[in-house]
C-alpha cells in the first residue's frame, strides 16, 4: 500500500473518533453546565477539521514530480502541519479568552453554574480515548516518516491534556461545592495555555521547512561523513541542505584528483548518490559539484 494511503487510513480513523467526541463533549458540556467541557468540545472540533486538512494535503503531497514541481509536492504535507498548528493556536486562544471572561464575571460577583457528573465522565472517557489515539497515530507517523501525521498525533495528545484539565476543574467543582465552581473556568484557562505551547512547538518546524531552513548539524555531519568514506574524494564543502516534506535535498562540492578520467569521476559522484539514497531514501535529492583537487 502506498505511503499516502496508509497516512489517509490512520487519519480517517482519527477523524471518526474526533467526530464522535465532539458530539459527546458538546452534549455533556451543555447538559452538565461545564465551560471547560464546552471548550474541550471546541478543541475536538478543531481536531476533526485538521484531520480533513491532512487527508486533502497528504494526497497532494504524494504526487510525483512534474513540469511545475521539479522536487515533487512534498511541501504540501508541511503546509498541512502548519495549518494544524495554526488551528490549534486559534482554538487555544479562544479557550483562554472564554475562560478569562467567565473568571472576570465570577470576580465581579456573578455566580457560575455547577458542572454535572455527565461532564466529568465525558472528560475521563476522552482522556483514555485520545491518549490511545495519540499512541497509535504517533507510531504510524514514525514508521511512515510523516510530519503531518506527527503533528496530528500531538493534536490528539493535546486533546487528552485538555480533557485532563477539564476533568480536574469539573471534578474539583463537584466535590468542593458551589463555592468552587470557579475551578471550571480556571481549568479551561490552564488547558488553553498548555495548548498554546503545543501549537508553538508544531509551528516552528513547519515555518522552518517552508523558509528552507538547513537540516540539523547532526544530519549535515552525517552527510559529510558519507562523502568522506568514499576513497578518492576529499574536502566536501559548501554543503547546503533543506527539508521537502518527508525527504531531504542537498547540494555539495567535492574535490577529486584533477588527472582522474571523467568516467571514473562520474562513478565517484554516482557512489555518493547511491549511499545518500540508501541512507535518506530514494526520493531524496543530492546535487554534486566536482572540483579538481589542490
Protein backbone atom coordinates (compact mmCIF):
# COMPACT_ATOMS: atom_id res chain seq x y z
CA UNK A 1 0.00 0.00 0.00
CA UNK A 2 1.29 3.48 -0.90
CA UNK A 3 2.54 5.69 1.93
CA UNK A 4 -0.16 8.31 1.29
CA UNK A 5 -2.94 5.72 1.53
CA UNK A 6 -1.56 4.46 4.85
CA UNK A 7 -1.49 8.03 6.22
CA UNK A 8 -5.04 8.58 4.98
CA UNK A 9 -6.30 5.42 6.71
CA UNK A 10 -4.77 6.45 10.04
CA UNK A 11 -6.18 9.98 9.71
CA UNK A 12 -9.61 8.74 8.70
CA UNK A 13 -9.80 6.52 11.78
CA UNK A 14 -8.90 9.52 13.94
CA UNK A 15 -11.48 11.73 12.25
CA UNK A 16 -14.30 9.28 13.04
CA UNK A 17 -13.26 9.20 16.71
CA UNK A 18 -12.99 13.00 16.82
CA UNK A 19 -16.45 13.48 15.35
CA UNK A 20 -17.96 11.18 17.98
CA UNK A 21 -16.07 13.01 20.74
CA UNK A 22 -17.31 16.39 19.51
CA UNK A 23 -20.90 15.20 19.90
CA UNK A 24 -20.24 13.59 23.29
CA UNK A 25 -18.41 16.61 24.74
CA UNK A 26 -20.87 19.17 23.38
CA UNK A 27 -23.84 17.32 24.87
CA UNK A 28 -22.03 16.74 28.16
CA UNK A 29 -20.81 20.35 28.32
CA UNK A 30 -24.22 21.89 27.69
CA UNK A 31 -26.24 19.41 29.77
CA UNK A 32 -23.59 19.41 32.54
CA UNK A 33 -23.21 23.23 32.62
CA UNK A 34 -19.43 22.98 32.15
CA UNK A 35 -17.43 25.71 30.40
CA UNK A 36 -14.34 23.50 30.50
CA UNK A 37 -16.16 20.69 28.70
CA UNK A 38 -17.60 23.03 26.06
CA UNK A 39 -14.07 24.34 25.48
CA UNK A 40 -12.86 20.75 25.20
CA UNK A 41 -15.57 20.07 22.60
CA UNK A 42 -14.29 23.03 20.55
CA UNK A 43 -10.80 21.54 20.74
CA UNK A 44 -12.07 18.18 19.47
CA UNK A 45 -13.84 20.01 16.64
CA UNK A 46 -10.52 21.59 15.64
CA UNK A 47 -9.04 18.07 15.67
CA UNK A 48 -11.71 16.91 13.23
CA UNK A 49 -11.11 19.88 10.91
CA UNK A 50 -7.37 19.27 10.85
CA UNK A 51 -8.00 15.59 10.06
CA UNK A 52 -9.80 16.71 6.90
CA UNK A 53 -6.90 19.04 6.03
CA UNK A 54 -4.39 16.21 6.42
CA UNK A 55 -6.49 13.94 4.18
CA UNK A 56 -6.56 16.59 1.44
CA UNK A 57 -2.95 17.77 1.58
CA UNK A 58 -1.25 14.42 2.06
CA UNK A 59 -2.89 13.10 -1.10
CA UNK A 60 -1.48 16.07 -3.00
CA UNK A 61 1.97 15.65 -1.42
CA UNK A 62 2.16 12.10 -2.75
CA UNK A 63 2.07 13.21 -6.37
CA UNK A 64 5.35 12.66 -8.26
CA UNK A 65 7.43 15.50 -9.67
CA UNK A 66 6.06 17.19 -12.77
CA UNK A 67 6.83 20.15 -15.01
CA UNK A 68 5.66 22.64 -12.39
CA UNK A 69 7.21 20.89 -9.34
CA UNK A 70 10.69 19.58 -10.09
CA UNK A 71 11.20 18.49 -6.48
CA UNK A 72 7.78 16.88 -6.10
CA UNK A 73 4.88 18.03 -3.93
CA UNK A 74 6.26 17.12 -0.50
CA UNK A 75 5.81 20.60 0.97
CA UNK A 76 2.04 20.27 0.76
CA UNK A 77 2.39 17.94 3.75
CA UNK A 78 4.30 20.68 5.54
CA UNK A 79 1.50 23.13 4.75
CA UNK A 80 -0.89 20.67 6.39
CA UNK A 81 1.32 20.62 9.51
CA UNK A 82 1.37 24.42 9.53
CA UNK A 83 -2.42 24.57 9.26
CA UNK A 84 -2.78 22.13 12.17
CA UNK A 85 -0.55 24.30 14.35
CA UNK A 86 -2.46 27.46 13.43
CA UNK A 87 -5.83 25.80 14.05
CA UNK A 88 -4.65 24.55 17.42
CA UNK A 89 -3.32 28.01 18.34
CA UNK A 90 -6.64 29.63 17.40
CA UNK A 91 -8.61 27.08 19.42
CA UNK A 92 -6.26 27.53 22.39
CA UNK A 93 -6.58 31.32 22.39
CA UNK A 94 -10.36 31.02 22.17
CA UNK A 95 -10.40 28.69 25.17
CA UNK A 96 -8.25 31.07 27.24
CA UNK A 97 -10.38 34.10 26.35
CA UNK A 98 -13.64 32.28 27.13
CA UNK A 99 -12.32 31.08 30.49
CA UNK A 100 -10.96 34.52 31.34
CA UNK A 101 -14.34 36.17 30.66
CA UNK A 102 -16.09 33.70 32.97
CA UNK A 103 -13.43 34.23 35.63
CA UNK A 104 -13.84 38.01 35.36
CA UNK A 105 -17.60 37.65 35.76
CA UNK A 106 -17.09 35.49 38.87
CA UNK A 107 -14.71 38.05 40.37
CA UNK A 108 -17.39 40.70 39.89
CA UNK A 109 -19.86 38.65 41.91
CA UNK A 110 -21.66 36.62 39.25
CA UNK A 111 -22.47 33.04 40.15
CA UNK A 112 -21.31 30.20 37.93
CA UNK A 113 -23.38 27.05 37.30
CA UNK A 114 -22.06 23.94 38.99
CA UNK A 115 -20.91 21.33 36.43
CA UNK A 116 -22.66 17.95 36.44
CA UNK A 117 -21.25 14.42 36.66
CA UNK A 118 -22.03 13.81 32.98
CA UNK A 119 -19.36 16.35 32.05
CA UNK A 120 -16.85 14.63 34.36
CA UNK A 121 -17.46 11.19 32.84
CA UNK A 122 -17.15 12.62 29.34
CA UNK A 123 -13.79 14.17 30.27
CA UNK A 124 -12.47 10.90 31.73
CA UNK A 125 -13.59 8.93 28.66
CA UNK A 126 -11.92 11.48 26.38
CA UNK A 127 -8.59 11.19 28.24
CA UNK A 128 -8.39 7.45 27.64
CA UNK A 129 -9.61 7.53 24.02
CA UNK A 130 -7.40 10.41 22.90
CA UNK A 131 -4.25 9.06 24.55
CA UNK A 132 -4.78 5.73 22.77
CA UNK A 133 -5.33 7.61 19.51
CA UNK A 134 -2.12 9.60 20.09
CA UNK A 135 -0.08 6.43 20.65
CA UNK A 136 -1.49 4.81 17.50
CA UNK A 137 -1.05 7.88 15.28
CA UNK A 138 2.42 8.74 16.58
CA UNK A 139 3.61 5.16 16.00
CA UNK A 140 2.40 5.34 12.39
CA UNK A 141 3.94 8.82 11.96
CA UNK A 142 7.36 7.49 12.97
CA UNK A 143 7.00 4.44 10.75
CA UNK A 144 5.86 6.47 7.72
CA UNK A 145 8.10 9.49 8.45
CA UNK A 146 5.16 11.87 8.12
CA UNK A 147 5.41 15.38 9.66
CA UNK A 148 1.69 15.98 9.09
CA UNK A 149 0.76 12.75 10.84
CA UNK A 150 3.15 13.57 13.68
CA UNK A 151 1.55 17.00 14.09
CA UNK A 152 -1.88 15.39 14.08
CA UNK A 153 -0.76 12.88 16.71
CA UNK A 154 0.24 15.72 19.03
CA UNK A 155 -3.08 17.38 18.33
CA UNK A 156 -4.68 14.19 19.69
CA UNK A 157 -2.48 14.30 22.79
CA UNK A 158 -3.22 17.98 23.33
CA UNK A 159 -6.90 17.00 23.38
CA UNK A 160 -6.12 14.39 26.04
CA UNK A 161 -4.29 17.06 28.07
CA UNK A 162 -7.24 19.38 27.55
CA UNK A 163 -9.55 16.71 28.94
CA UNK A 164 -7.29 16.18 31.97
CA UNK A 165 -7.53 19.88 32.79
CA UNK A 166 -11.28 19.79 32.27
CA UNK A 167 -11.64 16.71 34.49
CA UNK A 168 -9.66 18.35 37.30
CA UNK A 169 -11.71 21.54 37.14
CA UNK A 170 -15.07 19.77 36.83
CA UNK A 171 -14.22 17.20 39.49
CA UNK A 172 -12.99 19.88 41.90
CA UNK A 173 -16.11 21.97 41.40
CA UNK A 174 -18.35 18.92 42.01
CA UNK A 175 -16.51 17.66 45.09
CA UNK A 176 -15.92 21.04 46.78
CA UNK A 177 -19.37 22.53 46.17
CA UNK A 178 -20.83 25.68 44.68
CA UNK A 179 -18.22 27.97 46.23
CA UNK A 180 -15.59 26.35 43.98
CA UNK A 181 -17.39 26.41 40.63
CA UNK A 182 -14.68 28.88 39.55
CA UNK A 183 -12.37 25.87 39.19
CA UNK A 184 -14.15 25.01 35.93
CA UNK A 185 -13.19 28.21 34.01
CA UNK A 186 -9.78 28.21 35.71
CA UNK A 187 -9.18 24.72 34.33
CA UNK A 188 -10.15 25.88 30.84
CA UNK A 189 -7.60 28.75 31.07
CA UNK A 190 -4.81 26.35 32.13
CA UNK A 191 -5.76 23.95 29.35
CA UNK A 192 -5.74 26.76 26.78
CA UNK A 193 -2.29 27.91 27.92
CA UNK A 194 -0.94 24.38 27.55
CA UNK A 195 -2.36 24.18 24.03
CA UNK A 196 -0.68 27.45 23.04
CA UNK A 197 2.68 25.85 23.90
CA UNK A 198 1.87 22.72 21.87
CA UNK A 199 0.82 24.86 18.90
CA UNK A 200 4.06 26.85 19.09
CA UNK A 201 6.09 23.63 19.05
CA UNK A 202 4.24 22.47 15.92
CA UNK A 203 4.52 25.77 14.05
CA UNK A 204 8.30 26.16 14.48
CA UNK A 205 9.40 23.19 12.31
CA UNK A 206 6.76 23.96 9.67
CA UNK A 207 7.88 27.57 9.29
CA UNK A 208 11.49 26.37 9.22
CA UNK A 209 10.86 23.98 6.36
CA UNK A 210 8.78 26.42 4.32
CA UNK A 211 11.57 29.02 4.65
CA UNK A 212 14.20 26.43 3.64
CA UNK A 213 15.94 26.21 6.99
CA UNK A 214 19.01 23.95 6.91
CA UNK A 215 18.90 20.46 8.34
CA UNK A 216 20.32 19.85 11.81
CA UNK A 217 24.07 19.96 12.37
CA UNK A 218 23.96 16.25 13.18
CA UNK A 219 22.35 15.38 9.84
CA UNK A 220 24.74 17.58 7.87
CA UNK A 221 27.74 15.98 9.57
CA UNK A 222 26.32 12.56 8.70
CA UNK A 223 26.09 13.58 5.03
CA UNK A 224 29.70 14.79 5.07
CA UNK A 225 30.83 11.54 6.73
CA UNK A 226 29.14 9.50 4.00
CA UNK A 227 31.00 11.50 1.34
CA UNK A 228 34.38 11.28 3.13
CA UNK A 229 34.03 7.50 3.41
CA UNK A 230 34.41 7.10 -0.37
CA UNK A 231 38.06 6.68 -1.46
CA UNK A 232 39.34 9.31 -3.86
CA UNK A 233 37.00 12.07 -2.65
CA UNK A 234 38.32 14.83 -0.40
CA UNK A 235 37.27 18.12 1.14
CA UNK A 236 33.46 18.05 0.82
CA UNK A 237 32.39 21.69 1.27
CA UNK A 238 29.70 24.28 0.52
CA UNK A 239 27.07 21.85 1.79
CA UNK A 240 23.52 23.19 1.55
CA UNK A 241 20.52 21.26 2.84
CA UNK A 242 16.77 21.59 3.26
CA UNK A 243 13.71 19.51 4.05
CA UNK A 244 10.99 18.79 1.47
CA UNK A 245 8.09 17.05 3.19
CA UNK A 246 9.33 13.64 4.29
CA UNK A 247 12.50 13.78 2.18
CA UNK A 248 15.62 15.94 2.10
CA UNK A 249 17.60 17.79 -0.55
CA UNK A 250 21.32 18.61 -0.50
CA UNK A 251 23.95 20.30 -2.65
CA UNK A 252 27.67 19.79 -2.06
CA UNK A 253 31.07 20.44 -3.65
CA UNK A 254 33.72 17.69 -3.61
CA UNK A 255 37.38 17.55 -4.72
CA UNK A 256 38.85 14.82 -6.95
CA UNK A 257 42.25 14.22 -8.48
CA UNK A 258 42.44 16.59 -11.45
CA UNK A 259 44.05 13.83 -13.55
CA UNK A 260 41.22 11.39 -12.89
CA UNK A 261 39.38 10.26 -16.06
CA UNK A 262 35.89 11.68 -16.47
CA UNK A 263 34.32 8.21 -16.37
CA UNK A 264 35.96 7.44 -13.01
CA UNK A 265 35.00 10.86 -11.62
CA UNK A 266 31.41 10.23 -12.66
CA UNK A 267 31.46 6.86 -10.90
CA UNK A 268 32.70 8.53 -7.70
CA UNK A 269 29.82 11.03 -7.83
CA UNK A 270 27.37 8.20 -8.55
CA UNK A 271 28.65 6.33 -5.49
CA UNK A 272 27.91 9.40 -3.36
CA UNK A 273 24.38 9.43 -4.75
CA UNK A 274 23.87 5.71 -4.09
CA UNK A 275 25.00 5.95 -0.46
CA UNK A 276 22.98 9.13 0.10
CA UNK A 277 19.82 7.48 -1.23
CA UNK A 278 20.46 4.31 0.77
CA UNK A 279 20.58 6.39 3.94
CA UNK A 280 17.92 9.05 3.30
CA UNK A 281 15.56 7.38 0.83
CA UNK A 282 15.37 7.01 -2.92
CA UNK A 283 13.16 10.09 -3.25
CA UNK A 284 15.72 12.38 -1.63
CA UNK A 285 17.79 14.69 -3.83
CA UNK A 286 21.51 15.46 -3.95
CA UNK A 287 23.45 17.64 -6.40
CA UNK A 288 27.22 17.15 -6.56
CA UNK A 289 29.67 19.70 -7.96
CA UNK A 290 33.10 18.21 -8.74
CA UNK A 291 36.29 20.27 -8.47
CA UNK A 292 39.95 19.34 -9.17
CA UNK A 293 41.97 18.74 -6.03
CA UNK A 294 44.69 21.14 -4.96
